[in-house]
Amino acid sequence: MNLTVRGIRYNPSEETQEFLAKKLKKLDFAEDFIHDLTISITRETQGQGFHLDAKVHFNWGTVKMVNQDCYELYEGIEFLADKIEACARKEKGKVIDSH
């Protein structure tokens, strides 16, 4: 699985990337069928907070988008990791059911 993290109006620190990698350990079960995972962290210009987007590319060509709005970045990363895990489990179930 290729992981790409980029920031928009935000520069992800080494600590943030390590935290994200630790939280994405939940996806170890999906290593075989997730090809790419791209995460964008956007700092909002109005008000406070962050917008997190994740684009999950599966080996069979399906692309799923997952997003999360939050005020605390690390809390948002935890929620995003949970959403990505749920998305991967659901997609894996669909593929197993169709075969």
PDB file of N, CA and C in Angstrom:
ATOM      1  N   MET A   1       0.857  -1.177   0.000  1.00  0.00           N
ATOM      2  CA  MET A   1       0.000   0.000   0.000  1.00  0.00           C
ATOM      3  C   MET A   1       0.902   1.239   0.000  1.00  0.00           C
ATOM      4  N   ASN A   2       0.660   2.117  -0.954  1.00  0.00           N
ATOM      5  CA  ASN A   2       1.402   3.369  -1.030  1.00  0.00           C
ATOM      6  C   ASN A   2       0.626   4.457  -0.300  1.00  0.00           C
ATOM      7  N   LEU A   3       1.255   5.081   0.680  1.00  0.00           N
ATOM      8  CA  LEU A   3       0.619   6.142   1.454  1.00  0.00           C
ATOM      9  C   LEU A   3       1.226   7.483   1.065  1.00  0.00           C
ATOM     10  N   THR A   4       0.358   8.438   0.715  1.00  0.00           N
ATOM     11  CA  THR A   4       0.784   9.796   0.389  1.00  0.00           C
ATOM     12  C   THR A   4       0.023  10.759   1.288  1.00  0.00           C
ATOM     13  N   VAL A   5       0.753  11.636   1.974  1.00  0.00           N
ATOM     14  CA  VAL A   5       0.133  12.635   2.839  1.00  0.00           C
ATOM     15  C   VAL A   5       0.557  14.000   2.322  1.00  0.00           C
ATOM     16  N   ARG A   6      -0.433  14.870   2.075  1.00  0.00           N
ATOM     17  CA  ARG A   6      -0.093  16.220   1.628  1.00  0.00           C
ATOM     18  C   ARG A   6      -0.926  17.231   2.404  1.00  0.00           C
ATOM     19  N   GLY A   7      -0.398  18.412   2.511  1.00  0.00           N
ATOM     20  CA  GLY A   7      -1.089  19.469   3.235  1.00  0.00           C
ATOM     21  C   GLY A   7      -1.438  20.628   2.327  1.00  0.00           C
ATOM     22  N   ILE A   8      -2.597  21.217   2.562  1.00  0.00           N
ATOM     23  CA  ILE A   8      -3.040  22.415   1.849  1.00  0.00           C
ATOM     24  C   ILE A   8      -3.201  23.494   2.901  1.00  0.00           C
ATOM     25  N   ARG A   9      -2.415  24.552   2.774  1.00  0.00           N
ATOM     26  CA  ARG A   9      -2.339  25.607   3.786  1.00  0.00           C
ATOM     27  C   ARG A   9      -1.920  25.038   5.140  1.00  0.00           C
ATOM     28  N   TYR A  10      -1.204  23.917   5.083  1.00  0.00           N
ATOM     29  CA  TYR A  10      -0.733  23.249   6.299  1.00  0.00           C
ATOM     30  C   TYR A  10       0.445  22.374   5.902  1.00  0.00           C
ATOM     31  N   ASN A  11       1.480  22.382   6.715  1.00  0.00           N
ATOM     32  CA  ASN A  11       2.643  21.539   6.459  1.00  0.00           C
ATOM     33  C   ASN A  11       2.654  20.410   7.485  1.00  0.00           C
ATOM     34  N   PRO A  12       2.312  19.164   7.087  1.00  0.00           N
ATOM     35  CA  PRO A  12       2.256  18.064   8.046  1.00  0.00           C
ATOM     36  C   PRO A  12       3.636  17.808   8.673  1.00  0.00           C
ATOM     37  N   SER A  13       3.720  17.873   9.974  1.00  0.00           N
ATOM     38  CA  SER A  13       4.986  17.651  10.669  1.00  0.00           C
ATOM     39  C   SER A  13       5.313  16.163  10.688  1.00  0.00           C
ATOM     40  N   GLU A  14       6.532  15.858  11.055  1.00  0.00           N
ATOM     41  CA  GLU A  14       6.962  14.468  11.181  1.00  0.00           C
ATOM     42  C   GLU A  14       6.118  13.744  12.237  1.00  0.00           C
ATOM     43  N   GLU A  15       5.810  14.465  13.316  1.00  0.00           N
ATOM     44  CA  GLU A  15       4.983  13.900  14.395  1.00  0.00           C
ATOM     45  C   GLU A  15       3.587  13.552  13.890  1.00  0.00           C
ATOM     46  N   THR A  16       3.004  14.443  13.073  1.00  0.00           N
ATOM     47  CA  THR A  16       1.677  14.189  12.508  1.00  0.00           C
ATOM     48  C   THR A  16       1.703  12.970  11.599  1.00  0.00           C
ATOM     49  N   GLN A  17       2.732  12.851  10.777  1.00  0.00           N
ATOM     50  CA  GLN A  17       2.825  11.711   9.863  1.00  0.00           C
ATOM     51  C   GLN A  17       3.030  10.401  10.623  1.00  0.00           C
ATOM     52  N   GLU A  18       3.802  10.442  11.705  1.00  0.00           N
ATOM     53  CA  GLU A  18       3.988   9.238  12.522  1.00  0.00           C
ATOM     54  C   GLU A  18       2.680   8.830  13.200  1.00  0.00           C
ATOM     55  N   PHE A  19       1.930   9.811  13.698  1.00  0.00           N
ATOM     56  CA  PHE A  19       0.637   9.527  14.331  1.00  0.00           C
ATOM     57  C   PHE A  19      -0.314   8.903  13.313  1.00  0.00           C
ATOM     58  N   LEU A  20      -0.324   9.459  12.112  1.00  0.00           N
ATOM     59  CA  LEU A  20      -1.185   8.944  11.050  1.00  0.00           C
ATOM     60  C   LEU A  20      -0.793   7.508  10.695  1.00  0.00           C
ATOM     61  N   ALA A  21       0.486   7.247  10.563  1.00  0.00           N
ATOM     62  CA  ALA A  21       0.948   5.890  10.242  1.00  0.00           C
ATOM     63  C   ALA A  21       0.567   4.911  11.342  1.00  0.00           C
ATOM     64  N   LYS A  22       0.657   5.356  12.607  1.00  0.00           N
ATOM     65  CA  LYS A  22       0.292   4.491  13.740  1.00  0.00           C
ATOM     66  C   LYS A  22      -1.203   4.151  13.692  1.00  0.00           C
ATOM     67  N   LYS A  23      -2.025   5.150  13.394  1.00  0.00           N
ATOM     68  CA  LYS A  23      -3.469   4.921  13.342  1.00  0.00           C
ATOM     69  C   LYS A  23      -3.853   4.048  12.151  1.00  0.00           C
ATOM     70  N   LEU A  24      -3.092   4.124  11.065  1.00  0.00           N
ATOM     71  CA  LEU A  24      -3.411   3.335   9.877  1.00  0.00           C
ATOM     72  C   LEU A  24      -2.925   1.893   9.992  1.00  0.00           C
ATOM     73  N   LYS A  25      -2.321   1.531  11.113  1.00  0.00           N
ATOM     74  CA  LYS A  25      -1.958   0.126  11.354  1.00  0.00           C
ATOM     75  C   LYS A  25      -3.217  -0.742  11.379  1.00  0.00           C
ATOM     76  N   LYS A  26      -4.377  -0.107  11.625  1.00  0.00           N
ATOM     77  CA  LYS A  26      -5.651  -0.832  11.608  1.00  0.00           C
ATOM     78  C   LYS A  26      -5.903  -1.464  10.234  1.00  0.00           C
ATOM     79  N   LEU A  27      -5.252  -0.918   9.205  1.00  0.00           N
ATOM     80  CA  LEU A  27      -5.491  -1.381   7.836  1.00  0.00           C
ATOM     81  C   LEU A  27      -4.571  -2.523   7.432  1.00  0.00           C
ATOM     82  N   ASP A  28      -3.879  -3.122   8.375  1.00  0.00           N
ATOM     83  CA  ASP A  28      -2.978  -4.229   8.040  1.00  0.00           C
ATOM     84  C   ASP A  28      -3.721  -5.366   7.343  1.00  0.00           C
ATOM     85  N   PHE A  29      -4.973  -5.584   7.705  1.00  0.00           N
ATOM     86  CA  PHE A  29      -5.760  -6.640   7.062  1.00  0.00           C
ATOM     87  C   PHE A  29      -6.014  -6.342   5.588  1.00  0.00           C
ATOM     88  N   ALA A  30      -5.912  -5.072   5.201  1.00  0.00           N
ATOM     89  CA  ALA A  30      -6.239  -4.656   3.838  1.00  0.00           C
ATOM     90  C   ALA A  30      -5.008  -4.410   2.974  1.00  0.00           C
ATOM     91  N   GLU A  31      -3.825  -4.710   3.488  1.00  0.00           N
ATOM     92  CA  GLU A  31      -2.582  -4.459   2.748  1.00  0.00           C
ATOM     93  C   GLU A  31      -2.614  -5.077   1.355  1.00  0.00           C
ATOM     94  N   ASP A  32      -3.238  -6.241   1.216  1.00  0.00           N
ATOM     95  CA  ASP A  32      -3.211  -6.965  -0.048  1.00  0.00           C
ATOM     96  C   ASP A  32      -4.100  -6.351  -1.120  1.00  0.00           C
ATOM     97  N   PHE A  33      -5.141  -5.622  -0.724  1.00  0.00           N
ATOM     98  CA  PHE A  33      -6.065  -5.134  -1.743  1.00  0.00           C
ATOM     99  C   PHE A  33      -6.220  -3.621  -1.797  1.00  0.00           C
ATOM    100  N   ILE A  34      -5.507  -2.865  -0.975  1.00  0.00           N
ATOM    101  CA  ILE A  34      -5.470  -1.412  -1.137  1.00  0.00           C
ATOM    102  C   ILE A  34      -4.172  -1.071  -1.846  1.00  0.00           C
ATOM    103  N   HIS A  35      -4.286  -0.449  -3.012  1.00  0.00           N
ATOM    104  CA  HIS A  35      -3.110  -0.119  -3.808  1.00  0.00           C
ATOM    105  C   HIS A  35      -2.508   1.207  -3.362  1.00  0.00           C
ATOM    106  N   ASP A  36      -3.314   2.263  -3.323  1.00  0.00           N
ATOM    107  CA  ASP A  36      -2.854   3.595  -2.935  1.00  0.00           C
ATOM    108  C   ASP A  36      -3.807   4.196  -1.916  1.00  0.00           C
ATOM    109  N   LEU A  37      -3.248   4.993  -1.019  1.00  0.00           N
ATOM    110  CA  LEU A  37      -4.035   5.759  -0.062  1.00  0.00           C
ATOM    111  C   LEU A  37      -3.462   7.160  -0.042  1.00  0.00           C
ATOM    112  N   THR A  38      -4.260   8.132  -0.470  1.00  0.00           N
ATOM    113  CA  THR A  38      -3.830   9.521  -0.514  1.00  0.00           C
ATOM    114  C   THR A  38      -4.641  10.309   0.495  1.00  0.00           C
ATOM    115  N   ILE A  39      -3.953  10.983   1.409  1.00  0.00           N
ATOM    116  CA  ILE A  39      -4.626  11.767   2.442  1.00  0.00           C
ATOM    117  C   ILE A  39      -4.219  13.227   2.290  1.00  0.00           C
ATOM    118  N   SER A  40      -5.224  14.104   2.217  1.00  0.00           N
ATOM    119  CA  SER A  40      -4.996  15.541   2.132  1.00  0.00           C
ATOM    120  C   SER A  40      -5.501  16.188   3.412  1.00  0.00           C
ATOM    121  N   ILE A  41      -4.650  17.025   4.012  1.00  0.00           N
ATOM    122  CA  ILE A  41      -5.019  17.745   5.221  1.00  0.00           C
ATOM    123  C   ILE A  41      -5.093  19.217   4.856  1.00  0.00           C
ATOM    124  N   THR A  42      -6.283  19.804   4.971  1.00  0.00           N
ATOM    125  CA  THR A  42      -6.493  21.203   4.618  1.00  0.00           C
ATOM    126  C   THR A  42      -6.806  22.000   5.874  1.00  0.00           C
ATOM    127  N   ARG A  43      -6.057  23.062   6.105  1.00  0.00           N
ATOM    128  CA  ARG A  43      -6.382  23.972   7.207  1.00  0.00           C
ATOM    129  C   ARG A  43      -7.401  24.964   6.669  1.00  0.00           C
ATOM    130  N   GLU A  44      -8.526  25.078   7.363  1.00  0.00           N
ATOM    131  CA  GLU A  44      -9.589  25.979   6.927  1.00  0.00           C
ATOM    132  C   GLU A  44      -9.148  27.441   7.058  1.00  0.00           C
ATOM    133  N   THR A  45      -9.536  28.262   6.083  1.00  0.00           N
ATOM    134  CA  THR A  45      -9.159  29.676   6.130  1.00  0.00           C
ATOM    135  C   THR A  45     -10.122  30.473   6.989  1.00  0.00           C
ATOM    136  N   GLN A  46     -11.384  30.104   6.983  1.00  0.00           N
ATOM    137  CA  GLN A  46     -12.369  30.806   7.801  1.00  0.00           C
ATOM    138  C   GLN A  46     -12.639  29.974   9.044  1.00  0.00           C
ATOM    139  N   GLY A  47     -12.578  30.619  10.185  1.00  0.00           N
ATOM    140  CA  GLY A  47     -12.780  29.879  11.427  1.00  0.00           C
ATOM    141  C   GLY A  47     -11.545  29.060  11.744  1.00  0.00           C
ATOM    142  N   GLN A  48     -11.734  28.025  12.497  1.00  0.00           N
ATOM    143  CA  GLN A  48     -10.625  27.157  12.864  1.00  0.00           C
ATOM    144  C   GLN A  48     -10.956  25.744  12.448  1.00  0.00           C
ATOM    145  N   GLY A  49      -9.947  24.940  12.377  1.00  0.00           N
ATOM    146  CA  GLY A  49     -10.186  23.532  12.113  1.00  0.00           C
ATOM    147  C   GLY A  49      -9.503  23.041  10.861  1.00  0.00           C
ATOM    148  N   PHE A  50      -9.764  21.770  10.582  1.00  0.00           N
ATOM    149  CA  PHE A  50      -9.138  21.078   9.469  1.00  0.00           C
ATOM    150  C   PHE A  50     -10.182  20.286   8.707  1.00  0.00           C
ATOM    151  N   HIS A  51      -9.897  20.057   7.438  1.00  0.00           N
ATOM    152  CA  HIS A  51     -10.706  19.179   6.602  1.00  0.00           C
ATOM    153  C   HIS A  51      -9.767  18.097   6.090  1.00  0.00           C
ATOM    154  N   LEU A  52     -10.110  16.843   6.353  1.00  0.00           N
ATOM    155  CA  LEU A  52      -9.288  15.711   5.947  1.00  0.00           C
ATOM    156  C   LEU A  52      -9.993  14.934   4.847  1.00  0.00           C
ATOM    157  N   ASP A  53      -9.282  14.667   3.774  1.00  0.00           N
ATOM    158  CA  ASP A  53      -9.801  13.867   2.666  1.00  0.00           C
ATOM    159  C   ASP A  53      -8.901  12.660   2.475  1.00  0.00           C
ATOM    160  N   ALA A  54      -9.498  11.517   2.244  1.00  0.00           N
ATOM    161  CA  ALA A  54      -8.732  10.311   1.934  1.00  0.00           C
ATOM    162  C   ALA A  54      -9.306   9.694   0.669  1.00  0.00           C
ATOM    163  N   LYS A  55      -8.421   9.344  -0.233  1.00  0.00           N
ATOM    164  CA  LYS A  55      -8.818   8.669  -1.465  1.00  0.00           C
ATOM    165  C   LYS A  55      -8.183   7.282  -1.422  1.00  0.00           C
ATOM    166  N   VAL A  56      -9.027   6.250  -1.403  1.00  0.00           N
ATOM    167  CA  VAL A  56      -8.572   4.871  -1.284  1.00  0.00           C
ATOM    168  C   VAL A  56      -8.722   4.191  -2.643  1.00  0.00           C
ATOM    169  N   HIS A  57      -7.604   3.728  -3.199  1.00  0.00           N
ATOM    170  CA  HIS A  57      -7.597   3.024  -4.483  1.00  0.00           C
ATOM    171  C   HIS A  57      -7.446   1.532  -4.214  1.00  0.00           C
ATOM    172  N   PHE A  58      -8.453   0.765  -4.622  1.00  0.00           N
ATOM    173  CA  PHE A  58      -8.403  -0.681  -4.446  1.00  0.00           C
ATOM    174  C   PHE A  58      -7.810  -1.332  -5.688  1.00  0.00           C
ATOM    175  N   ASN A  59      -7.247  -2.527  -5.529  1.00  0.00           N
ATOM    176  CA  ASN A  59      -6.586  -3.230  -6.638  1.00  0.00           C
ATOM    177  C   ASN A  59      -7.515  -3.521  -7.803  1.00  0.00           C
ATOM    178  N   TRP A  60      -8.800  -3.671  -7.554  1.00  0.00           N
ATOM    179  CA  TRP A  60      -9.743  -4.012  -8.620  1.00  0.00           C
ATOM    180  C   TRP A  60     -10.311  -2.774  -9.301  1.00  0.00           C
ATOM    181  N   GLY A  61      -9.750  -1.597  -9.038  1.00  0.00           N
ATOM    182  CA  GLY A  61     -10.111  -0.391  -9.774  1.00  0.00           C
ATOM    183  C   GLY A  61     -11.072   0.547  -9.082  1.00  0.00           C
ATOM    184  N   THR A  62     -11.657   0.141  -7.989  1.00  0.00           N
ATOM    185  CA  THR A  62     -12.598   0.993  -7.272  1.00  0.00           C
ATOM    186  C   THR A  62     -11.840   2.065  -6.497  1.00  0.00           C
ATOM    187  N   VAL A  63     -12.378   3.282  -6.517  1.00  0.00           N
ATOM    188  CA  VAL A  63     -11.806   4.385  -5.744  1.00  0.00           C
ATOM    189  C   VAL A  63     -12.891   4.914  -4.819  1.00  0.00           C
ATOM    190  N   LYS A  64     -12.586   4.983  -3.539  1.00  0.00           N
ATOM    191  CA  LYS A  64     -13.536   5.489  -2.547  1.00  0.00           C
ATOM    192  C   LYS A  64     -12.976   6.757  -1.915  1.00  0.00           C
ATOM    193  N   MET A  65     -13.858   7.721  -1.681  1.00  0.00           N
ATOM    194  CA  MET A  65     -13.482   8.966  -1.010  1.00  0.00           C
ATOM    195  C   MET A  65     -14.064   8.953   0.400  1.00  0.00           C
ATOM    196  N   VAL A  66     -13.243   9.350   1.357  1.00  0.00           N
ATOM    197  CA  VAL A  66     -13.667   9.447   2.753  1.00  0.00           C
ATOM    198  C   VAL A  66     -13.202  10.812   3.243  1.00  0.00           C
ATOM    199  N   ASN A  67     -14.068  11.536   3.974  1.00  0.00           N
ATOM    200  CA  ASN A  67     -13.626  12.836   4.483  1.00  0.00           C
ATOM    201  C   ASN A  67     -14.114  13.056   5.905  1.00  0.00           C
ATOM    202  N   GLN A  68     -13.476  14.017   6.562  1.00  0.00           N
ATOM    203  CA  GLN A  68     -13.773  14.320   7.956  1.00  0.00           C
ATOM    204  C   GLN A  68     -13.443  15.787   8.218  1.00  0.00           C
ATOM    205  N   ASP A  69     -14.353  16.499   8.862  1.00  0.00           N
ATOM    206  CA  ASP A  69     -14.102  17.864   9.329  1.00  0.00           C
ATOM    207  C   ASP A  69     -13.887  17.813  10.834  1.00  0.00           C
ATOM    208  N   CYS A  70     -12.923  18.599  11.319  1.00  0.00           N
ATOM    209  CA  CYS A  70     -12.622  18.556  12.742  1.00  0.00           C
ATOM    210  C   CYS A  70     -11.946  19.856  13.181  1.00  0.00           C
ATOM    211  N   TYR A  71     -11.985  20.102  14.477  1.00  0.00           N
ATOM    212  CA  TYR A  71     -11.270  21.235  15.058  1.00  0.00           C
ATOM    213  C   TYR A  71      -9.894  20.809  15.551  1.00  0.00           C
ATOM    214  N   GLU A  72      -9.805  19.600  16.096  1.00  0.00           N
ATOM    215  CA  GLU A  72      -8.537  19.055  16.573  1.00  0.00           C
ATOM    216  C   GLU A  72      -8.012  18.076  15.536  1.00  0.00           C
ATOM    217  N   LEU A  73      -6.801  18.312  15.043  1.00  0.00           N
ATOM    218  CA  LEU A  73      -6.241  17.500  13.966  1.00  0.00           C
ATOM    219  C   LEU A  73      -6.118  16.027  14.350  1.00  0.00           C
ATOM    220  N   TYR A  74      -5.569  15.739  15.517  1.00  0.00           N
ATOM    221  CA  TYR A  74      -5.336  14.338  15.886  1.00  0.00           C
ATOM    222  C   TYR A  74      -6.641  13.587  16.119  1.00  0.00           C
ATOM    223  N   GLU A  75      -7.630  14.272  16.650  1.00  0.00           N
ATOM    224  CA  GLU A  75      -8.951  13.656  16.805  1.00  0.00           C
ATOM    225  C   GLU A  75      -9.535  13.339  15.431  1.00  0.00           C
ATOM    226  N   GLY A  76      -9.376  14.266  14.500  1.00  0.00           N
ATOM    227  CA  GLY A  76      -9.857  14.058  13.133  1.00  0.00           C
ATOM    228  C   GLY A  76      -9.160  12.897  12.446  1.00  0.00           C
ATOM    229  N   ILE A  77      -7.859  12.746  12.692  1.00  0.00           N
ATOM    230  CA  ILE A  77      -7.106  11.632  12.106  1.00  0.00           C
ATOM    231  C   ILE A  77      -7.640  10.303  12.637  1.00  0.00           C
ATOM    232  N   GLU A  78      -7.961  10.250  13.922  1.00  0.00           N
ATOM    233  CA  GLU A  78      -8.522   9.024  14.493  1.00  0.00           C
ATOM    234  C   GLU A  78      -9.858   8.669  13.842  1.00  0.00           C
ATOM    235  N   PHE A  79     -10.737   9.677  13.687  1.00  0.00           N
ATOM    236  CA  PHE A  79     -12.032   9.429  13.040  1.00  0.00           C
ATOM    237  C   PHE A  79     -11.845   9.012  11.587  1.00  0.00           C
ATOM    238  N   LEU A  80     -10.920   9.668  10.883  1.00  0.00           N
ATOM    239  CA  LEU A  80     -10.673   9.335   9.483  1.00  0.00           C
ATOM    240  C   LEU A  80     -10.162   7.898   9.351  1.00  0.00           C
ATOM    241  N   ALA A  81      -9.260   7.496  10.231  1.00  0.00           N
ATOM    242  CA  ALA A  81      -8.734   6.124  10.194  1.00  0.00           C
ATOM    243  C   ALA A  81      -9.866   5.115  10.411  1.00  0.00           C
ATOM    244  N   ASP A  82     -10.784   5.418  11.325  1.00  0.00           N
ATOM    245  CA  ASP A  82     -11.926   4.531  11.556  1.00  0.00           C
ATOM    246  C   ASP A  82     -12.809   4.442  10.315  1.00  0.00           C
ATOM    247  N   LYS A  83     -13.033   5.582   9.656  1.00  0.00           N
ATOM    248  CA  LYS A  83     -13.863   5.590   8.449  1.00  0.00           C
ATOM    249  C   LYS A  83     -13.203   4.815   7.311  1.00  0.00           C
ATOM    250  N   ILE A  84     -11.890   4.969   7.166  1.00  0.00           N
ATOM    251  CA  ILE A  84     -11.170   4.239   6.115  1.00  0.00           C
ATOM    252  C   ILE A  84     -11.242   2.739   6.384  1.00  0.00           C
ATOM    253  N   GLU A  85     -11.081   2.352   7.642  1.00  0.00           N
ATOM    254  CA  GLU A  85     -11.165   0.931   7.997  1.00  0.00           C
ATOM    255  C   GLU A  85     -12.544   0.372   7.668  1.00  0.00           C
ATOM    256  N   ALA A  86     -13.600   1.113   8.023  1.00  0.00           N
ATOM    257  CA  ALA A  86     -14.968   0.666   7.732  1.00  0.00           C
ATOM    258  C   ALA A  86     -15.196   0.542   6.224  1.00  0.00           C
ATOM    259  N   CYS A  87     -14.682   1.514   5.477  1.00  0.00           N
ATOM    260  CA  CYS A  87     -14.819   1.498   4.018  1.00  0.00           C
ATOM    261  C   CYS A  87     -14.107   0.281   3.429  1.00  0.00           C
ATOM    262  N   ALA A  88     -12.899  -0.007   3.910  1.00  0.00           N
ATOM    263  CA  ALA A  88     -12.128  -1.149   3.400  1.00  0.00           C
ATOM    264  C   ALA A  88     -12.826  -2.463   3.730  1.00  0.00           C
ATOM    265  N   ARG A  89     -13.349  -2.580   4.938  1.00  0.00           N
ATOM    266  CA  ARG A  89     -14.058  -3.817   5.319  1.00  0.00           C
ATOM    267  C   ARG A  89     -15.309  -4.019   4.457  1.00  0.00           C
ATOM    268  N   LYS A  90     -16.037  -2.948   4.213  1.00  0.00           N
ATOM    269  CA  LYS A  90     -17.250  -3.029   3.405  1.00  0.00           C
ATOM    270  C   LYS A  90     -16.907  -3.425   1.969  1.00  0.00           C
ATOM    271  N   GLU A  91     -15.888  -2.796   1.407  1.00  0.00           N
ATOM    272  CA  GLU A  91     -15.485  -3.088   0.034  1.00  0.00           C
ATOM    273  C   GLU A  91     -14.968  -4.520  -0.095  1.00  0.00           C
ATOM    274  N   LYS A  92     -14.210  -4.971   0.897  1.00  0.00           N
ATOM    275  CA  LYS A  92     -13.706  -6.349   0.892  1.00  0.00           C
ATOM    276  C   LYS A  92     -14.874  -7.321   0.935  1.00  0.00           C
ATOM    277  N   GLY A  93     -15.892  -7.016   1.741  1.00  0.00           N
ATOM    278  CA  GLY A  93     -17.080  -7.862   1.820  1.00  0.00           C
ATOM    279  C   GLY A  93     -17.814  -7.939   0.493  1.00  0.00           C
ATOM    280  N   LYS A  94     -17.899  -6.826  -0.211  1.00  0.00           N
ATOM    281  CA  LYS A  94     -18.570  -6.805  -1.517  1.00  0.00           C
ATOM    282  C   LYS A  94     -17.854  -7.712  -2.511  1.00  0.00           C
ATOM    283  N   VAL A  95     -16.536  -7.633  -2.546  1.00  0.00           N
ATOM    284  CA  VAL A  95     -15.763  -8.415  -3.491  1.00  0.00           C
ATOM    285  C   VAL A  95     -15.844  -9.891  -3.162  1.00  0.00           C
ATOM    286  N   ILE A  96     -15.786 -10.246  -1.887  1.00  0.00           N
ATOM    287  CA  ILE A  96     -15.892 -11.653  -1.495  1.00  0.00           C
ATOM    288  C   ILE A  96     -17.271 -12.200  -1.837  1.00  0.00           C
ATOM    289  N   ASP A  97     -18.330 -11.392  -1.614  1.00  0.00           N
ATOM    290  CA  ASP A  97     -19.700 -11.831  -1.922  1.00  0.00           C
ATOM    291  C   ASP A  97     -19.902 -12.044  -3.416  1.00  0.00           C
ATOM    292  N   SER A  98     -19.260 -11.232  -4.249  1.00  0.00           N
ATOM    293  CA  SER A  98     -19.477 -11.334  -5.689  1.00  0.00           C
ATOM    294  C   SER A  98     -18.731 -12.506  -6.304  1.00  0.00           C
ATOM    295  N   HIS A  99     -17.745 -13.045  -5.604  1.00  0.00           N
ATOM    296  CA  HIS A  99     -17.005 -14.196  -6.149  1.00  0.00           C
ATOM    297  C   HIS A  99     -17.579 -15.413  -5.534  1.00  0.00           C
TER     298      HIS A  99
END
